[in-house]
Amino acid sequence: MRTTFEQDDLKARKIFLGVFYFCAFVMASVTFYAIYVSLGEYLQTGRVVIGEVLVETEFPFKGLAKLTTYLMIVSVVGWYCVVRLGGEKVKGIPRWLKSILQLMVLVFAVVALYEFVYNFIVWNSLMTADAIRGEVMRFDDLNVEYPNPETPWNLVFATKMTLAAFLISAHCFYTISKPEKKSE
């Protein structure tokens, strides 16, 4: 017979697992939709702006959230569920390997933070330049032709996804770096 604590823990695990599967389904659906539409656009025009289709598509109806917002949210929530489901496995990793993982995740967090700030500043600068010219409705159409001028990135998409990458990597660093509780 299971104790109340074990039953409660099992229920919590089922919730996190269900939410994770939902997040994974949404991430896969949004990604396949974006690839399908972007491929069609590329075959028709010979050019694609990364993330543009996710910024232009509002779901389930116009005026609600953009697919890029959903993708950002389910990425972070899905990661959190993964940590809650498998975070205890980190305890068994040898210290030397944990140190290497910490350094790798720290580097990723720093890069993600830099990219988020960079994209946000570029996006804000372009919006300000548009506002000075009297154009104030192009927020979602702004792109940056970096790192490759042939495939620009939509700045709304780039900003949201680098924010998600920073949150995930910062949480990963925190999880790996958390001191282990001593058993009594």
N, C-alpha and C. Protein backbone atom coordinates (compact mmCIF):
# COMPACT_ATOMS: atom_id res chain seq x y z
N MET A 1 0.84 -1.17 0.00
CA MET A 1 0.00 0.00 0.00
C MET A 1 0.89 1.24 0.00
N ARG A 2 0.52 2.20 -0.82
CA ARG A 2 1.29 3.43 -0.93
C ARG A 2 0.86 4.43 0.12
N THR A 3 1.85 5.21 0.55
CA THR A 3 1.55 6.26 1.52
C THR A 3 0.89 7.44 0.79
N THR A 4 0.34 8.35 1.56
CA THR A 4 -0.29 9.53 0.99
C THR A 4 0.74 10.36 0.23
N PHE A 5 1.96 10.45 0.75
CA PHE A 5 3.02 11.19 0.09
C PHE A 5 3.35 10.58 -1.27
N GLU A 6 3.46 9.25 -1.32
CA GLU A 6 3.77 8.57 -2.58
C GLU A 6 2.64 8.76 -3.60
N GLN A 7 1.39 8.69 -3.13
CA GLN A 7 0.24 8.89 -4.03
C GLN A 7 0.23 10.32 -4.56
N ASP A 8 0.52 11.28 -3.69
CA ASP A 8 0.56 12.68 -4.09
C ASP A 8 1.69 12.91 -5.10
N ASP A 9 2.84 12.29 -4.85
CA ASP A 9 3.98 12.41 -5.75
C ASP A 9 3.66 11.79 -7.11
N LEU A 10 2.96 10.67 -7.12
CA LEU A 10 2.57 10.02 -8.37
C LEU A 10 1.60 10.89 -9.16
N LYS A 11 0.65 11.51 -8.47
CA LYS A 11 -0.30 12.41 -9.14
C LYS A 11 0.43 13.61 -9.75
N ALA A 12 1.37 14.17 -8.99
CA ALA A 12 2.14 15.31 -9.49
C ALA A 12 2.94 14.91 -10.73
N ARG A 13 3.56 13.73 -10.70
CA ARG A 13 4.33 13.25 -11.86
C ARG A 13 3.43 13.08 -13.07
N LYS A 14 2.21 12.57 -12.85
CA LYS A 14 1.27 12.40 -13.97
C LYS A 14 0.90 13.76 -14.56
N ILE A 15 0.73 14.76 -13.72
CA ILE A 15 0.40 16.11 -14.20
C ILE A 15 1.56 16.65 -15.03
N PHE A 16 2.78 16.56 -14.49
CA PHE A 16 3.94 17.07 -15.22
C PHE A 16 4.14 16.31 -16.54
N LEU A 17 3.90 15.01 -16.53
CA LEU A 17 4.04 14.22 -17.74
C LEU A 17 2.98 14.63 -18.78
N GLY A 18 1.76 14.80 -18.33
CA GLY A 18 0.69 15.23 -19.24
C GLY A 18 0.97 16.60 -19.83
N VAL A 19 1.41 17.53 -19.00
CA VAL A 19 1.73 18.88 -19.48
C VAL A 19 2.92 18.82 -20.44
N PHE A 20 3.92 17.98 -20.12
CA PHE A 20 5.06 17.84 -21.02
C PHE A 20 4.61 17.32 -22.38
N TYR A 21 3.79 16.29 -22.41
CA TYR A 21 3.32 15.74 -23.70
C TYR A 21 2.51 16.78 -24.47
N PHE A 22 1.71 17.56 -23.77
CA PHE A 22 0.96 18.64 -24.42
C PHE A 22 1.92 19.65 -25.03
N CYS A 23 2.93 20.06 -24.27
CA CYS A 23 3.93 21.02 -24.75
C CYS A 23 4.68 20.46 -25.96
N ALA A 24 5.07 19.20 -25.89
CA ALA A 24 5.79 18.57 -27.00
C ALA A 24 4.91 18.52 -28.25
N PHE A 25 3.63 18.22 -28.07
CA PHE A 25 2.69 18.19 -29.20
C PHE A 25 2.57 19.58 -29.83
N VAL A 26 2.42 20.61 -28.99
CA VAL A 26 2.29 21.98 -29.50
C VAL A 26 3.57 22.40 -30.20
N MET A 27 4.74 22.11 -29.59
CA MET A 27 6.02 22.47 -30.22
C MET A 27 6.16 21.79 -31.59
N ALA A 28 5.84 20.51 -31.66
CA ALA A 28 5.95 19.78 -32.92
C ALA A 28 4.96 20.33 -33.95
N SER A 29 3.73 20.60 -33.53
CA SER A 29 2.72 21.11 -34.45
C SER A 29 3.11 22.47 -35.01
N VAL A 30 3.55 23.36 -34.14
CA VAL A 30 3.95 24.71 -34.57
C VAL A 30 5.16 24.62 -35.50
N THR A 31 6.11 23.77 -35.15
CA THR A 31 7.31 23.63 -35.97
C THR A 31 6.99 23.07 -37.35
N PHE A 32 6.17 22.02 -37.41
CA PHE A 32 5.82 21.43 -38.71
C PHE A 32 5.00 22.42 -39.55
N TYR A 33 4.10 23.16 -38.92
CA TYR A 33 3.34 24.19 -39.63
C TYR A 33 4.28 25.23 -40.22
N ALA A 34 5.22 25.70 -39.40
CA ALA A 34 6.16 26.73 -39.86
C ALA A 34 7.02 26.22 -41.01
N ILE A 35 7.48 24.99 -40.92
CA ILE A 35 8.30 24.41 -41.99
C ILE A 35 7.48 24.29 -43.26
N TYR A 36 6.26 23.81 -43.14
CA TYR A 36 5.39 23.62 -44.30
C TYR A 36 5.12 24.95 -45.01
N VAL A 37 4.71 25.98 -44.26
CA VAL A 37 4.40 27.28 -44.85
C VAL A 37 5.67 27.95 -45.39
N SER A 38 6.76 27.86 -44.63
CA SER A 38 8.02 28.48 -45.07
C SER A 38 8.56 27.82 -46.32
N LEU A 39 8.43 26.50 -46.41
CA LEU A 39 8.88 25.79 -47.61
C LEU A 39 8.07 26.23 -48.82
N GLY A 40 6.76 26.35 -48.65
CA GLY A 40 5.90 26.83 -49.74
C GLY A 40 6.29 28.24 -50.16
N GLU A 41 6.56 29.10 -49.19
CA GLU A 41 6.98 30.47 -49.48
C GLU A 41 8.31 30.48 -50.21
N TYR A 42 9.24 29.64 -49.76
CA TYR A 42 10.55 29.58 -50.39
C TYR A 42 10.45 29.08 -51.83
N LEU A 43 9.64 28.06 -52.07
CA LEU A 43 9.48 27.53 -53.41
C LEU A 43 8.82 28.54 -54.34
N GLN A 44 7.97 29.39 -53.77
CA GLN A 44 7.25 30.39 -54.56
C GLN A 44 8.09 31.64 -54.82
N THR A 45 8.80 32.11 -53.78
CA THR A 45 9.52 33.38 -53.90
C THR A 45 11.04 33.23 -53.93
N GLY A 46 11.54 32.10 -53.49
CA GLY A 46 12.99 31.90 -53.41
C GLY A 46 13.61 32.53 -52.19
N ARG A 47 12.78 33.00 -51.26
CA ARG A 47 13.29 33.66 -50.06
C ARG A 47 12.38 33.32 -48.88
N VAL A 48 12.98 33.27 -47.70
CA VAL A 48 12.20 33.03 -46.49
C VAL A 48 12.80 33.85 -45.36
N VAL A 49 11.93 34.38 -44.52
CA VAL A 49 12.37 35.09 -43.31
C VAL A 49 12.09 34.16 -42.14
N ILE A 50 13.13 33.79 -41.43
CA ILE A 50 13.00 32.81 -40.35
C ILE A 50 12.08 33.36 -39.26
N GLY A 51 11.06 32.58 -38.94
CA GLY A 51 10.13 32.92 -37.87
C GLY A 51 8.97 33.80 -38.30
N GLU A 52 9.00 34.32 -39.51
CA GLU A 52 7.97 35.25 -39.94
C GLU A 52 6.58 34.63 -39.93
N VAL A 53 6.47 33.40 -40.40
CA VAL A 53 5.16 32.76 -40.44
C VAL A 53 4.58 32.60 -39.03
N LEU A 54 5.43 32.38 -38.03
CA LEU A 54 4.95 32.22 -36.65
C LEU A 54 4.51 33.54 -36.05
N VAL A 55 5.07 34.64 -36.54
CA VAL A 55 4.68 35.96 -36.06
C VAL A 55 3.40 36.43 -36.76
N GLU A 56 3.25 36.06 -38.01
CA GLU A 56 2.07 36.48 -38.77
C GLU A 56 0.82 35.67 -38.45
N THR A 57 0.98 34.46 -37.91
CA THR A 57 -0.16 33.59 -37.65
C THR A 57 -0.65 33.76 -36.23
N GLU A 58 -1.89 34.20 -36.10
CA GLU A 58 -2.52 34.34 -34.79
C GLU A 58 -3.49 33.18 -34.63
N PHE A 59 -3.53 32.60 -33.46
CA PHE A 59 -4.31 31.37 -33.24
C PHE A 59 -5.03 31.45 -31.91
N PRO A 60 -6.22 30.99 -31.77
CA PRO A 60 -7.10 30.34 -32.74
C PRO A 60 -7.86 31.32 -33.62
N PHE A 61 -7.79 32.63 -33.35
CA PHE A 61 -8.42 33.61 -34.22
C PHE A 61 -7.60 34.89 -34.19
N LYS A 62 -7.82 35.73 -35.21
CA LYS A 62 -7.07 36.98 -35.33
C LYS A 62 -7.30 37.86 -34.10
N GLY A 63 -6.21 38.41 -33.61
CA GLY A 63 -6.29 39.27 -32.44
C GLY A 63 -5.88 38.57 -31.15
N LEU A 64 -5.74 37.24 -31.21
CA LEU A 64 -5.27 36.53 -30.02
C LEU A 64 -3.76 36.36 -30.13
N ALA A 65 -3.19 35.38 -29.51
CA ALA A 65 -1.73 35.22 -29.46
C ALA A 65 -1.17 34.69 -30.78
N LYS A 66 0.08 35.04 -31.01
CA LYS A 66 0.80 34.57 -32.19
C LYS A 66 1.43 33.21 -31.89
N LEU A 67 1.65 32.44 -32.95
CA LEU A 67 2.24 31.11 -32.76
C LEU A 67 3.61 31.20 -32.10
N THR A 68 4.35 32.26 -32.36
CA THR A 68 5.67 32.40 -31.73
C THR A 68 5.54 32.55 -30.22
N THR A 69 4.47 33.17 -29.76
CA THR A 69 4.24 33.30 -28.32
C THR A 69 3.94 31.93 -27.72
N TYR A 70 3.09 31.17 -28.38
CA TYR A 70 2.80 29.81 -27.90
C TYR A 70 4.07 28.96 -27.87
N LEU A 71 4.90 29.07 -28.92
CA LEU A 71 6.13 28.28 -28.98
C LEU A 71 7.07 28.65 -27.84
N MET A 72 7.19 29.93 -27.54
CA MET A 72 8.04 30.37 -26.44
C MET A 72 7.54 29.80 -25.11
N ILE A 73 6.24 29.92 -24.88
CA ILE A 73 5.66 29.47 -23.61
C ILE A 73 5.80 27.97 -23.44
N VAL A 74 5.43 27.19 -24.45
CA VAL A 74 5.49 25.74 -24.29
C VAL A 74 6.92 25.23 -24.22
N SER A 75 7.87 25.96 -24.81
CA SER A 75 9.27 25.57 -24.69
C SER A 75 9.73 25.67 -23.24
N VAL A 76 9.41 26.79 -22.60
CA VAL A 76 9.83 27.01 -21.21
C VAL A 76 9.07 26.07 -20.27
N VAL A 77 7.76 25.96 -20.44
CA VAL A 77 6.96 25.09 -19.57
C VAL A 77 7.34 23.62 -19.76
N GLY A 78 7.57 23.23 -21.02
CA GLY A 78 8.00 21.85 -21.30
C GLY A 78 9.33 21.54 -20.63
N TRP A 79 10.27 22.49 -20.69
CA TRP A 79 11.56 22.31 -20.02
C TRP A 79 11.36 22.13 -18.52
N TYR A 80 10.52 22.97 -17.93
CA TYR A 80 10.28 22.89 -16.49
C TYR A 80 9.72 21.51 -16.13
N CYS A 81 8.82 21.00 -16.94
CA CYS A 81 8.27 19.67 -16.68
C CYS A 81 9.35 18.59 -16.76
N VAL A 82 10.25 18.72 -17.74
CA VAL A 82 11.36 17.76 -17.86
C VAL A 82 12.20 17.77 -16.60
N VAL A 83 12.50 18.97 -16.10
CA VAL A 83 13.31 19.07 -14.89
C VAL A 83 12.58 18.46 -13.70
N ARG A 84 11.30 18.72 -13.58
CA ARG A 84 10.53 18.17 -12.46
C ARG A 84 10.42 16.65 -12.55
N LEU A 85 10.39 16.12 -13.77
CA LEU A 85 10.28 14.67 -13.95
C LEU A 85 11.62 13.96 -13.79
N GLY A 86 12.69 14.59 -14.26
CA GLY A 86 13.98 13.89 -14.26
C GLY A 86 15.09 14.61 -13.55
N GLY A 87 14.78 15.66 -12.81
CA GLY A 87 15.81 16.45 -12.15
C GLY A 87 16.62 15.69 -11.13
N GLU A 88 16.04 14.68 -10.55
CA GLU A 88 16.75 13.88 -9.53
C GLU A 88 17.90 13.08 -10.14
N LYS A 89 17.85 12.85 -11.44
CA LYS A 89 18.90 12.08 -12.11
C LYS A 89 20.23 12.83 -12.12
N VAL A 90 20.17 14.15 -11.98
CA VAL A 90 21.40 14.97 -11.97
C VAL A 90 22.26 14.62 -10.77
N LYS A 91 21.64 14.17 -9.70
CA LYS A 91 22.39 13.86 -8.47
C LYS A 91 23.40 12.73 -8.68
N GLY A 92 23.12 11.84 -9.60
CA GLY A 92 24.01 10.71 -9.82
C GLY A 92 25.18 10.99 -10.74
N ILE A 93 25.25 12.17 -11.30
CA ILE A 93 26.32 12.52 -12.22
C ILE A 93 27.60 12.82 -11.44
N PRO A 94 28.74 12.28 -11.88
CA PRO A 94 30.00 12.58 -11.19
C PRO A 94 30.30 14.09 -11.21
N ARG A 95 31.00 14.55 -10.19
CA ARG A 95 31.28 15.98 -10.06
C ARG A 95 32.01 16.56 -11.25
N TRP A 96 32.99 15.85 -11.78
CA TRP A 96 33.77 16.37 -12.90
C TRP A 96 32.88 16.59 -14.12
N LEU A 97 31.94 15.66 -14.36
CA LEU A 97 31.02 15.79 -15.49
C LEU A 97 30.01 16.92 -15.24
N LYS A 98 29.56 17.02 -13.98
CA LYS A 98 28.64 18.09 -13.62
C LYS A 98 29.30 19.45 -13.83
N SER A 99 30.59 19.55 -13.51
CA SER A 99 31.32 20.81 -13.71
C SER A 99 31.40 21.18 -15.19
N ILE A 100 31.66 20.20 -16.02
CA ILE A 100 31.70 20.45 -17.47
C ILE A 100 30.33 20.89 -17.97
N LEU A 101 29.27 20.21 -17.52
CA LEU A 101 27.91 20.59 -17.92
C LEU A 101 27.56 22.00 -17.44
N GLN A 102 27.96 22.34 -16.22
CA GLN A 102 27.71 23.68 -15.70
C GLN A 102 28.37 24.73 -16.59
N LEU A 103 29.62 24.50 -16.97
CA LEU A 103 30.32 25.46 -17.81
C LEU A 103 29.66 25.59 -19.18
N MET A 104 29.28 24.47 -19.76
CA MET A 104 28.61 24.49 -21.06
C MET A 104 27.29 25.25 -21.00
N VAL A 105 26.50 24.97 -19.97
CA VAL A 105 25.20 25.62 -19.83
C VAL A 105 25.38 27.11 -19.52
N LEU A 106 26.40 27.44 -18.74
CA LEU A 106 26.68 28.84 -18.45
C LEU A 106 27.03 29.60 -19.74
N VAL A 107 27.86 29.00 -20.57
CA VAL A 107 28.20 29.62 -21.85
C VAL A 107 26.94 29.81 -22.70
N PHE A 108 26.10 28.79 -22.75
CA PHE A 108 24.86 28.89 -23.52
C PHE A 108 23.96 29.99 -22.97
N ALA A 109 23.87 30.11 -21.65
CA ALA A 109 23.05 31.16 -21.03
C ALA A 109 23.58 32.54 -21.37
N VAL A 110 24.89 32.71 -21.33
CA VAL A 110 25.48 34.01 -21.64
C VAL A 110 25.22 34.37 -23.10
N VAL A 111 25.41 33.41 -24.00
CA VAL A 111 25.16 33.66 -25.42
C VAL A 111 23.68 33.98 -25.65
N ALA A 112 22.79 33.22 -25.04
CA ALA A 112 21.36 33.46 -25.20
C ALA A 112 20.96 34.83 -24.66
N LEU A 113 21.52 35.21 -23.51
CA LEU A 113 21.23 36.53 -22.96
C LEU A 113 21.73 37.63 -23.90
N TYR A 114 22.95 37.47 -24.40
CA TYR A 114 23.49 38.45 -25.34
C TYR A 114 22.59 38.57 -26.57
N GLU A 115 22.22 37.43 -27.16
CA GLU A 115 21.38 37.45 -28.36
C GLU A 115 20.01 38.07 -28.08
N PHE A 116 19.44 37.79 -26.91
CA PHE A 116 18.16 38.38 -26.54
C PHE A 116 18.29 39.91 -26.47
N VAL A 117 19.31 40.39 -25.76
CA VAL A 117 19.50 41.83 -25.62
C VAL A 117 19.79 42.46 -26.99
N TYR A 118 20.63 41.82 -27.78
CA TYR A 118 20.95 42.32 -29.12
C TYR A 118 19.69 42.44 -29.97
N ASN A 119 18.91 41.36 -30.04
CA ASN A 119 17.69 41.37 -30.85
C ASN A 119 16.70 42.41 -30.35
N PHE A 120 16.57 42.52 -29.04
CA PHE A 120 15.63 43.48 -28.47
C PHE A 120 16.05 44.91 -28.79
N ILE A 121 17.35 45.19 -28.69
CA ILE A 121 17.84 46.55 -28.98
C ILE A 121 17.68 46.87 -30.46
N VAL A 122 18.02 45.92 -31.33
CA VAL A 122 17.86 46.16 -32.77
C VAL A 122 16.39 46.38 -33.10
N TRP A 123 15.52 45.56 -32.55
CA TRP A 123 14.08 45.67 -32.78
C TRP A 123 13.58 47.04 -32.30
N ASN A 124 13.98 47.43 -31.09
CA ASN A 124 13.58 48.73 -30.54
C ASN A 124 14.12 49.87 -31.40
N SER A 125 15.35 49.77 -31.87
CA SER A 125 15.95 50.81 -32.70
C SER A 125 15.20 50.96 -34.02
N LEU A 126 14.86 49.84 -34.64
CA LEU A 126 14.12 49.90 -35.90
C LEU A 126 12.71 50.46 -35.70
N MET A 127 12.07 50.10 -34.58
CA MET A 127 10.74 50.67 -34.29
C MET A 127 10.84 52.17 -34.06
N THR A 128 11.88 52.61 -33.37
CA THR A 128 12.09 54.04 -33.13
C THR A 128 12.34 54.78 -34.44
N ALA A 129 13.17 54.20 -35.31
CA ALA A 129 13.44 54.82 -36.61
C ALA A 129 12.15 54.92 -37.42
N ASP A 130 11.33 53.87 -37.39
CA ASP A 130 10.03 53.92 -38.08
C ASP A 130 9.13 54.99 -37.49
N ALA A 131 9.10 55.10 -36.17
CA ALA A 131 8.25 56.09 -35.50
C ALA A 131 8.68 57.51 -35.89
N ILE A 132 9.97 57.74 -36.01
CA ILE A 132 10.47 59.06 -36.41
C ILE A 132 10.01 59.38 -37.83
N ARG A 133 9.95 58.36 -38.68
CA ARG A 133 9.48 58.54 -40.06
C ARG A 133 7.95 58.56 -40.15
N GLY A 134 7.26 58.33 -39.03
CA GLY A 134 5.81 58.35 -39.04
C GLY A 134 5.16 57.01 -39.29
N GLU A 135 5.94 55.94 -39.35
CA GLU A 135 5.41 54.59 -39.54
C GLU A 135 5.38 53.91 -38.17
N VAL A 136 4.19 53.62 -37.66
CA VAL A 136 4.13 53.02 -36.32
C VAL A 136 3.43 51.67 -36.29
N MET A 137 3.15 51.07 -37.39
CA MET A 137 2.41 49.81 -37.39
C MET A 137 3.20 48.63 -37.95
N ARG A 138 4.52 48.75 -38.08
CA ARG A 138 5.32 47.68 -38.67
C ARG A 138 6.04 46.82 -37.64
N PHE A 139 5.62 46.80 -36.41
CA PHE A 139 6.36 46.12 -35.35
C PHE A 139 6.69 44.67 -35.68
N ASP A 140 5.73 43.95 -36.22
CA ASP A 140 5.90 42.52 -36.47
C ASP A 140 6.66 42.21 -37.76
N ASP A 141 6.86 43.20 -38.62
CA ASP A 141 7.49 42.96 -39.91
C ASP A 141 8.98 43.27 -39.93
N LEU A 142 9.54 43.65 -38.80
CA LEU A 142 10.94 44.04 -38.78
C LEU A 142 11.84 42.81 -38.74
N ASN A 143 12.87 42.84 -39.58
CA ASN A 143 13.79 41.71 -39.71
C ASN A 143 15.22 42.19 -39.52
N VAL A 144 16.08 41.24 -39.20
CA VAL A 144 17.51 41.53 -39.15
C VAL A 144 18.20 40.53 -40.08
N GLU A 145 19.05 41.07 -40.94
CA GLU A 145 19.74 40.22 -41.91
C GLU A 145 21.05 39.73 -41.33
N TYR A 146 20.94 39.14 -40.18
CA TYR A 146 22.11 38.62 -39.46
C TYR A 146 21.72 37.25 -38.95
N PRO A 147 22.51 36.27 -39.02
CA PRO A 147 23.91 36.21 -39.43
C PRO A 147 24.10 36.04 -40.93
N ASN A 148 23.01 35.79 -41.68
CA ASN A 148 23.14 35.56 -43.12
C ASN A 148 22.15 36.45 -43.85
N PRO A 149 22.62 37.37 -44.70
CA PRO A 149 21.70 38.26 -45.41
C PRO A 149 20.70 37.54 -46.31
N GLU A 150 21.05 36.31 -46.72
CA GLU A 150 20.15 35.53 -47.57
C GLU A 150 18.92 35.02 -46.81
N THR A 151 19.07 34.83 -45.50
CA THR A 151 17.95 34.34 -44.67
C THR A 151 17.82 35.21 -43.42
N PRO A 152 17.10 36.33 -43.54
CA PRO A 152 16.93 37.20 -42.38
C PRO A 152 16.04 36.55 -41.32
N TRP A 153 16.13 37.06 -40.10
CA TRP A 153 15.33 36.59 -38.98
C TRP A 153 14.30 37.65 -38.62
N ASN A 154 13.08 37.24 -38.39
CA ASN A 154 12.07 38.14 -37.88
C ASN A 154 12.45 38.48 -36.44
N LEU A 155 12.43 39.75 -36.08
CA LEU A 155 12.92 40.17 -34.77
C LEU A 155 11.97 39.79 -33.62
N VAL A 156 10.68 39.72 -33.88
CA VAL A 156 9.76 39.26 -32.84
C VAL A 156 10.09 37.81 -32.49
N PHE A 157 10.22 36.99 -33.52
CA PHE A 157 10.56 35.57 -33.32
C PHE A 157 11.92 35.43 -32.62
N ALA A 158 12.93 36.13 -33.14
CA ALA A 158 14.28 36.01 -32.58
C ALA A 158 14.32 36.45 -31.13
N THR A 159 13.61 37.53 -30.80
CA THR A 159 13.61 38.03 -29.43
C THR A 159 12.93 37.06 -28.48
N LYS A 160 11.77 36.56 -28.88
CA LYS A 160 11.03 35.63 -28.00
C LYS A 160 11.77 34.31 -27.82
N MET A 161 12.34 33.79 -28.89
CA MET A 161 12.99 32.49 -28.77
C MET A 161 14.33 32.57 -28.04
N THR A 162 15.06 33.69 -28.19
CA THR A 162 16.29 33.82 -27.43
C THR A 162 15.99 34.07 -25.95
N LEU A 163 14.86 34.72 -25.66
CA LEU A 163 14.44 34.85 -24.27
C LEU A 163 14.13 33.47 -23.68
N ALA A 164 13.41 32.65 -24.44
CA ALA A 164 13.12 31.29 -23.98
C ALA A 164 14.41 30.50 -23.79
N ALA A 165 15.35 30.63 -24.71
CA ALA A 165 16.63 29.92 -24.59
C ALA A 165 17.38 30.37 -23.35
N PHE A 166 17.35 31.68 -23.05
CA PHE A 166 18.01 32.17 -21.85
C PHE A 166 17.34 31.62 -20.59
N LEU A 167 16.01 31.67 -20.54
CA LEU A 167 15.30 31.18 -19.35
C LEU A 167 15.59 29.69 -19.12
N ILE A 168 15.56 28.92 -20.19
CA ILE A 168 15.80 27.48 -20.08
C ILE A 168 17.24 27.22 -19.63
N SER A 169 18.20 27.88 -20.24
CA SER A 169 19.60 27.62 -19.88
C SER A 169 19.92 28.14 -18.48
N ALA A 170 19.33 29.27 -18.09
CA ALA A 170 19.56 29.78 -16.73
C ALA A 170 18.96 28.83 -15.69
N HIS A 171 17.78 28.29 -15.98
CA HIS A 171 17.16 27.33 -15.07
C HIS A 171 17.96 26.04 -15.02
N CYS A 172 18.49 25.63 -16.17
CA CYS A 172 19.33 24.43 -16.22
C CYS A 172 20.59 24.64 -15.38
N PHE A 173 21.21 25.80 -15.51
CA PHE A 173 22.40 26.09 -14.72
C PHE A 173 22.06 26.06 -13.23
N TYR A 174 20.94 26.66 -12.86
CA TYR A 174 20.50 26.65 -11.46
C TYR A 174 20.28 25.21 -10.98
N THR A 175 19.61 24.41 -11.79
CA THR A 175 19.30 23.03 -11.41
C THR A 175 20.57 22.21 -11.23
N ILE A 176 21.50 22.35 -12.15
CA ILE A 176 22.75 21.58 -12.06
C ILE A 176 23.61 22.06 -10.90
N SER A 177 23.57 23.36 -10.62
CA SER A 177 24.43 23.95 -9.59
C SER A 177 23.87 23.85 -8.19
N LYS A 178 22.61 23.48 -8.05
CA LYS A 178 21.98 23.42 -6.73
C LYS A 178 22.73 22.43 -5.85
N PRO A 179 23.08 22.86 -4.64
CA PRO A 179 23.78 21.91 -3.76
C PRO A 179 22.84 20.76 -3.38
N GLU A 180 23.44 19.59 -3.30
CA GLU A 180 22.66 18.40 -2.94
C GLU A 180 22.38 18.41 -1.44
N LYS A 181 21.16 18.00 -1.10
CA LYS A 181 20.79 17.91 0.32
C LYS A 181 21.44 16.68 0.91
N LYS A 182 21.99 16.85 2.09
CA LYS A 182 22.63 15.70 2.77
C LYS A 182 21.55 14.84 3.39
N SER A 183 21.64 13.55 3.13
CA SER A 183 20.67 12.63 3.73
C SER A 183 21.06 12.35 5.19
N GLU A 184 20.05 12.24 5.98
CA GLU A 184 20.30 12.05 7.41
C GLU A 184 20.15 10.62 7.82
